[in-house]
């Protein structure tokens, strides 16, 4: 069984800073064993650059 998590990051200052934050989180979560499902960039209602990261982790289900 998979457990999904969506992380949202926004910035009003620097798209380079946002990209660096996304890379840091991706590296950290991948070291922890998460599967990277998707990464998307866009803008929010106030035109702030925004990133969405979708992660999945496998949950061990005990045998019955």
PDB file of N, CA and C in Angstrom:
ATOM      1  N   UNK A   1       0.846  -1.169   0.000  1.00  0.00           N
ATOM      2  CA  UNK A   1       0.000   0.000   0.000  1.00  0.00           C
ATOM      3  C   UNK A   1       0.898   1.240   0.000  1.00  0.00           C
ATOM      4  N   UNK A   2       0.505   2.263  -0.758  1.00  0.00           N
ATOM      5  CA  UNK A   2       1.288   3.495  -0.845  1.00  0.00           C
ATOM      6  C   UNK A   2       0.606   4.619  -0.076  1.00  0.00           C
ATOM      7  N   UNK A   3       1.429   5.428   0.544  1.00  0.00           N
ATOM      8  CA  UNK A   3       0.975   6.620   1.236  1.00  0.00           C
ATOM      9  C   UNK A   3       1.550   7.813   0.477  1.00  0.00           C
ATOM     10  N   UNK A   4       0.683   8.751   0.055  1.00  0.00           N
ATOM     11  CA  UNK A   4       1.121   9.887  -0.740  1.00  0.00           C
ATOM     12  C   UNK A   4       1.199  11.153   0.109  1.00  0.00           C
ATOM     13  N   UNK A   5       2.138  12.026  -0.263  1.00  0.00           N
ATOM     14  CA  UNK A   5       2.325  13.296   0.426  1.00  0.00           C
ATOM     15  C   UNK A   5       2.590  14.355  -0.639  1.00  0.00           C
ATOM     16  N   UNK A   6       1.945  15.512  -0.511  1.00  0.00           N
ATOM     17  CA  UNK A   6       2.165  16.622  -1.438  1.00  0.00           C
ATOM     18  C   UNK A   6       2.763  17.782  -0.646  1.00  0.00           C
ATOM     19  N   UNK A   7       3.890  18.278  -1.132  1.00  0.00           N
ATOM     20  CA  UNK A   7       4.568  19.407  -0.499  1.00  0.00           C
ATOM     21  C   UNK A   7       4.429  20.605  -1.429  1.00  0.00           C
ATOM     22  N   UNK A   8       4.019  21.748  -0.869  1.00  0.00           N
ATOM     23  CA  UNK A   8       3.861  22.981  -1.652  1.00  0.00           C
ATOM     24  C   UNK A   8       4.871  24.004  -1.133  1.00  0.00           C
ATOM     25  N   UNK A   9       5.620  24.597  -2.050  1.00  0.00           N
ATOM     26  CA  UNK A   9       6.576  25.650  -1.710  1.00  0.00           C
ATOM     27  C   UNK A   9       6.287  26.870  -2.578  1.00  0.00           C
ATOM     28  N   UNK A  10       6.368  28.067  -1.984  1.00  0.00           N
ATOM     29  CA  UNK A  10       6.178  29.314  -2.738  1.00  0.00           C
ATOM     30  C   UNK A  10       7.239  30.317  -2.329  1.00  0.00           C
ATOM     31  N   UNK A  11       7.481  31.263  -3.217  1.00  0.00           N
ATOM     32  CA  UNK A  11       8.406  32.354  -2.908  1.00  0.00           C
ATOM     33  C   UNK A  11       8.001  33.588  -3.693  1.00  0.00           C
ATOM     34  N   UNK A  12       8.270  34.736  -3.136  1.00  0.00           N
ATOM     35  CA  UNK A  12       8.055  35.990  -3.866  1.00  0.00           C
ATOM     36  C   UNK A  12       9.394  36.596  -4.262  1.00  0.00           C
ATOM     37  N   UNK A  13      10.504  35.953  -3.889  1.00  0.00           N
ATOM     38  CA  UNK A  13      11.797  36.591  -4.043  1.00  0.00           C
ATOM     39  C   UNK A  13      12.624  36.029  -5.188  1.00  0.00           C
ATOM     40  N   UNK A  14      12.852  34.726  -5.198  1.00  0.00           N
ATOM     41  CA  UNK A  14      13.813  34.200  -6.160  1.00  0.00           C
ATOM     42  C   UNK A  14      13.388  32.827  -6.670  1.00  0.00           C
ATOM     43  N   UNK A  15      13.267  32.710  -7.991  1.00  0.00           N
ATOM     44  CA  UNK A  15      12.970  31.390  -8.542  1.00  0.00           C
ATOM     45  C   UNK A  15      14.158  30.458  -8.370  1.00  0.00           C
ATOM     46  N   UNK A  16      15.372  31.001  -8.347  1.00  0.00           N
ATOM     47  CA  UNK A  16      16.549  30.170  -8.082  1.00  0.00           C
ATOM     48  C   UNK A  16      16.495  29.604  -6.669  1.00  0.00           C
ATOM     49  N   UNK A  17      16.053  30.416  -5.718  1.00  0.00           N
ATOM     50  CA  UNK A  17      15.898  29.948  -4.340  1.00  0.00           C
ATOM     51  C   UNK A  17      14.856  28.846  -4.249  1.00  0.00           C
ATOM     52  N   UNK A  18      13.756  29.003  -4.982  1.00  0.00           N
ATOM     53  CA  UNK A  18      12.710  27.981  -5.004  1.00  0.00           C
ATOM     54  C   UNK A  18      13.249  26.683  -5.591  1.00  0.00           C
ATOM     55  N   UNK A  19      13.976  26.787  -6.684  1.00  0.00           N
ATOM     56  CA  UNK A  19      14.559  25.605  -7.313  1.00  0.00           C
ATOM     57  C   UNK A  19      15.530  24.906  -6.365  1.00  0.00           C
ATOM     58  N   UNK A  20      16.352  25.684  -5.672  1.00  0.00           N
ATOM     59  CA  UNK A  20      17.287  25.103  -4.704  1.00  0.00           C
ATOM     60  C   UNK A  20      16.555  24.395  -3.566  1.00  0.00           C
ATOM     61  N   UNK A  21      15.460  25.005  -3.082  1.00  0.00           N
ATOM     62  CA  UNK A  21      14.664  24.378  -2.016  1.00  0.00           C
ATOM     63  C   UNK A  21      14.059  23.060  -2.494  1.00  0.00           C
ATOM     64  N   UNK A  22      13.557  23.056  -3.734  1.00  0.00           N
ATOM     65  CA  UNK A  22      12.971  21.826  -4.294  1.00  0.00           C
ATOM     66  C   UNK A  22      14.042  20.743  -4.411  1.00  0.00           C
ATOM     67  N   UNK A  23      15.206  21.093  -4.924  1.00  0.00           N
ATOM     68  CA  UNK A  23      16.296  20.114  -5.047  1.00  0.00           C
ATOM     69  C   UNK A  23      16.694  19.556  -3.684  1.00  0.00           C
ATOM     70  N   UNK A  24      16.773  20.428  -2.676  1.00  0.00           N
ATOM     71  CA  UNK A  24      17.143  19.992  -1.328  1.00  0.00           C
ATOM     72  C   UNK A  24      16.122  18.996  -0.775  1.00  0.00           C
ATOM     73  N   UNK A  25      14.849  19.332  -0.924  1.00  0.00           N
ATOM     74  CA  UNK A  25      13.791  18.446  -0.428  1.00  0.00           C
ATOM     75  C   UNK A  25      13.791  17.121  -1.188  1.00  0.00           C
ATOM     76  N   UNK A  26      13.959  17.162  -2.517  1.00  0.00           N
ATOM     77  CA  UNK A  26      13.984  15.927  -3.305  1.00  0.00           C
ATOM     78  C   UNK A  26      15.140  15.027  -2.872  1.00  0.00           C
ATOM     79  N   UNK A  27      16.313  15.599  -2.685  1.00  0.00           N
ATOM     80  CA  UNK A  27      17.458  14.798  -2.249  1.00  0.00           C
ATOM     81  C   UNK A  27      17.238  14.210  -0.855  1.00  0.00           C
ATOM     82  N   UNK A  28      16.703  15.020   0.049  1.00  0.00           N
ATOM     83  CA  UNK A  28      16.449  14.563   1.412  1.00  0.00           C
ATOM     84  C   UNK A  28      15.417  13.423   1.435  1.00  0.00           C
ATOM     85  N   UNK A  29      14.304  13.612   0.744  1.00  0.00           N
ATOM     86  CA  UNK A  29      13.239  12.609   0.755  1.00  0.00           C
ATOM     87  C   UNK A  29      13.666  11.338   0.025  1.00  0.00           C
ATOM     88  N   UNK A  30      14.439  11.475  -1.040  1.00  0.00           N
ATOM     89  CA  UNK A  30      14.881  10.286  -1.757  1.00  0.00           C
ATOM     90  C   UNK A  30      15.858   9.467  -0.912  1.00  0.00           C
ATOM     91  N   UNK A  31      16.695  10.140  -0.127  1.00  0.00           N
ATOM     92  CA  UNK A  31      17.580   9.421   0.809  1.00  0.00           C
ATOM     93  C   UNK A  31      16.779   8.669   1.867  1.00  0.00           C
ATOM     94  N   UNK A  32      15.613   9.197   2.219  1.00  0.00           N
ATOM     95  CA  UNK A  32      14.762   8.557   3.214  1.00  0.00           C
ATOM     96  C   UNK A  32      13.911   7.431   2.615  1.00  0.00           C
ATOM     97  N   UNK A  33      14.037   7.207   1.318  1.00  0.00           N
ATOM     98  CA  UNK A  33      13.335   6.099   0.671  1.00  0.00           C
ATOM     99  C   UNK A  33      12.019   6.448   0.001  1.00  0.00           C
ATOM    100  N   UNK A  34      11.690   7.728  -0.088  1.00  0.00           N
ATOM    101  CA  UNK A  34      10.454   8.126  -0.761  1.00  0.00           C
ATOM    102  C   UNK A  34      10.606   7.996  -2.268  1.00  0.00           C
ATOM    103  N   UNK A  35       9.512   7.675  -2.926  1.00  0.00           N
ATOM    104  CA  UNK A  35       9.458   7.654  -4.384  1.00  0.00           C
ATOM    105  C   UNK A  35       8.984   9.028  -4.846  1.00  0.00           C
ATOM    106  N   UNK A  36       9.701   9.640  -5.788  1.00  0.00           N
ATOM    107  CA  UNK A  36       9.298  10.942  -6.336  1.00  0.00           C
ATOM    108  C   UNK A  36       8.277  10.667  -7.437  1.00  0.00           C
ATOM    109  N   UNK A  37       7.037  11.084  -7.217  1.00  0.00           N
ATOM    110  CA  UNK A  37       5.969  10.843  -8.187  1.00  0.00           C
ATOM    111  C   UNK A  37       5.950  11.959  -9.223  1.00  0.00           C
ATOM    112  N   UNK A  38       5.985  13.209  -8.768  1.00  0.00           N
ATOM    113  CA  UNK A  38       5.990  14.329  -9.715  1.00  0.00           C
ATOM    114  C   UNK A  38       6.491  15.603  -9.041  1.00  0.00           C
ATOM    115  N   UNK A  39       6.983  16.501  -9.874  1.00  0.00           N
ATOM    116  CA  UNK A  39       7.376  17.845  -9.446  1.00  0.00           C
ATOM    117  C   UNK A  39       6.826  18.795 -10.500  1.00  0.00           C
ATOM    118  N   UNK A  40       6.095  19.808 -10.066  1.00  0.00           N
ATOM    119  CA  UNK A  40       5.576  20.778 -11.027  1.00  0.00           C
ATOM    120  C   UNK A  40       5.779  22.191 -10.498  1.00  0.00           C
ATOM    121  N   UNK A  41       5.979  23.103 -11.432  1.00  0.00           N
ATOM    122  CA  UNK A  41       6.172  24.507 -11.102  1.00  0.00           C
ATOM    123  C   UNK A  41       5.070  25.315 -11.763  1.00  0.00           C
ATOM    124  N   UNK A  42       4.640  26.364 -11.094  1.00  0.00           N
ATOM    125  CA  UNK A  42       3.619  27.246 -11.643  1.00  0.00           C
ATOM    126  C   UNK A  42       3.587  28.533 -10.844  1.00  0.00           C
ATOM    127  N   UNK A  43       2.452  29.210 -10.879  1.00  0.00           N
ATOM    128  CA  UNK A  43       2.271  30.428 -10.095  1.00  0.00           C
ATOM    129  C   UNK A  43       0.959  30.312  -9.329  1.00  0.00           C
ATOM    130  N   UNK A  44       0.887  31.020  -8.198  1.00  0.00           N
ATOM    131  CA  UNK A  44      -0.347  30.991  -7.428  1.00  0.00           C
ATOM    132  C   UNK A  44      -1.199  32.217  -7.739  1.00  0.00           C
ATOM    133  N   UNK A  45      -2.212  32.436  -6.946  1.00  0.00           N
ATOM    134  CA  UNK A  45      -3.166  33.521  -7.176  1.00  0.00           C
ATOM    135  C   UNK A  45      -2.501  34.897  -7.195  1.00  0.00           C
ATOM    136  N   UNK A  46      -1.421  35.056  -6.446  1.00  0.00           N
ATOM    137  CA  UNK A  46      -0.711  36.336  -6.360  1.00  0.00           C
ATOM    138  C   UNK A  46       0.506  36.374  -7.269  1.00  0.00           C
ATOM    139  N   UNK A  47       0.582  35.488  -8.243  1.00  0.00           N
ATOM    140  CA  UNK A  47       1.666  35.418  -9.219  1.00  0.00           C
ATOM    141  C   UNK A  47       3.007  35.043  -8.582  1.00  0.00           C
ATOM    142  N   UNK A  48       2.967  34.393  -7.435  1.00  0.00           N
ATOM    143  CA  UNK A  48       4.203  33.947  -6.786  1.00  0.00           C
ATOM    144  C   UNK A  48       4.603  32.592  -7.363  1.00  0.00           C
ATOM    145  N   UNK A  49       5.863  32.426  -7.751  1.00  0.00           N
ATOM    146  CA  UNK A  49       6.321  31.116  -8.220  1.00  0.00           C
ATOM    147  C   UNK A  49       6.073  30.057  -7.141  1.00  0.00           C
ATOM    148  N   UNK A  50       5.512  28.930  -7.564  1.00  0.00           N
ATOM    149  CA  UNK A  50       5.112  27.871  -6.637  1.00  0.00           C
ATOM    150  C   UNK A  50       5.548  26.523  -7.194  1.00  0.00           C
ATOM    151  N   UNK A  51       5.932  25.633  -6.288  1.00  0.00           N
ATOM    152  CA  UNK A  51       6.303  24.267  -6.674  1.00  0.00           C
ATOM    153  C   UNK A  51       5.457  23.286  -5.880  1.00  0.00           C
ATOM    154  N   UNK A  52       5.056  22.212  -6.533  1.00  0.00           N
ATOM    155  CA  UNK A  52       4.349  21.115  -5.889  1.00  0.00           C
ATOM    156  C   UNK A  52       5.164  19.846  -6.088  1.00  0.00           C
ATOM    157  N   UNK A  53       5.439  19.149  -5.003  1.00  0.00           N
ATOM    158  CA  UNK A  53       6.200  17.902  -5.044  1.00  0.00           C
ATOM    159  C   UNK A  53       5.285  16.803  -4.519  1.00  0.00           C
ATOM    160  N   UNK A  54       5.075  15.769  -5.324  1.00  0.00           N
ATOM    161  CA  UNK A  54       4.278  14.621  -4.883  1.00  0.00           C
ATOM    162  C   UNK A  54       5.209  13.457  -4.613  1.00  0.00           C
ATOM    163  N   UNK A  55       5.098  12.915  -3.399  1.00  0.00           N
ATOM    164  CA  UNK A  55       5.948  11.812  -2.952  1.00  0.00           C
ATOM    165  C   UNK A  55       5.084  10.621  -2.577  1.00  0.00           C
ATOM    166  N   UNK A  56       5.656   9.443  -2.642  1.00  0.00           N
ATOM    167  CA  UNK A  56       4.971   8.228  -2.205  1.00  0.00           C
ATOM    168  C   UNK A  56       5.913   7.413  -1.350  1.00  0.00           C
ATOM    169  N   UNK A  57       5.357   6.803  -0.317  1.00  0.00           N
ATOM    170  CA  UNK A  57       6.122   5.871   0.499  1.00  0.00           C
ATOM    171  C   UNK A  57       5.304   4.584   0.606  1.00  0.00           C
ATOM    172  N   UNK A  58       6.001   3.480   0.680  1.00  0.00           N
ATOM    173  CA  UNK A  58       5.341   2.194   0.766  1.00  0.00           C
ATOM    174  C   UNK A  58       5.112   1.857   2.233  1.00  0.00           C
ATOM    175  N   UNK A  59       3.893   1.500   2.545  1.00  0.00           N
ATOM    176  CA  UNK A  59       3.530   1.106   3.907  1.00  0.00           C
ATOM    177  C   UNK A  59       3.482  -0.410   3.937  1.00  0.00           C
ATOM    178  N   UNK A  60       4.236  -0.991   4.846  1.00  0.00           N
ATOM    179  CA  UNK A  60       4.229  -2.449   4.977  1.00  0.00           C
ATOM    180  C   UNK A  60       2.920  -2.867   5.653  1.00  0.00           C
ATOM    181  N   UNK A  61       2.195  -3.731   4.980  1.00  0.00           N
ATOM    182  CA  UNK A  61       0.940  -4.253   5.542  1.00  0.00           C
ATOM    183  C   UNK A  61       1.244  -5.642   6.082  1.00  0.00           C
ATOM    184  N   UNK A  62       1.001  -5.857   7.375  1.00  0.00           N
ATOM    185  CA  UNK A  62       1.295  -7.172   7.944  1.00  0.00           C
ATOM    186  C   UNK A  62       0.433  -8.274   7.318  1.00  0.00           C
ATOM    187  N   UNK A  63       1.054  -9.420   7.113  1.00  0.00           N
ATOM    188  CA  UNK A  63       0.334 -10.574   6.559  1.00  0.00           C
ATOM    189  C   UNK A  63      -0.663 -11.086   7.589  1.00  0.00           C
ATOM    190  N   UNK A  64      -1.817 -11.496   7.108  1.00  0.00           N
ATOM    191  CA  UNK A  64      -2.841 -11.998   8.018  1.00  0.00           C
ATOM    192  C   UNK A  64      -3.059 -13.465   7.808  1.00  0.00           C
TER     193      UNK A  64
END
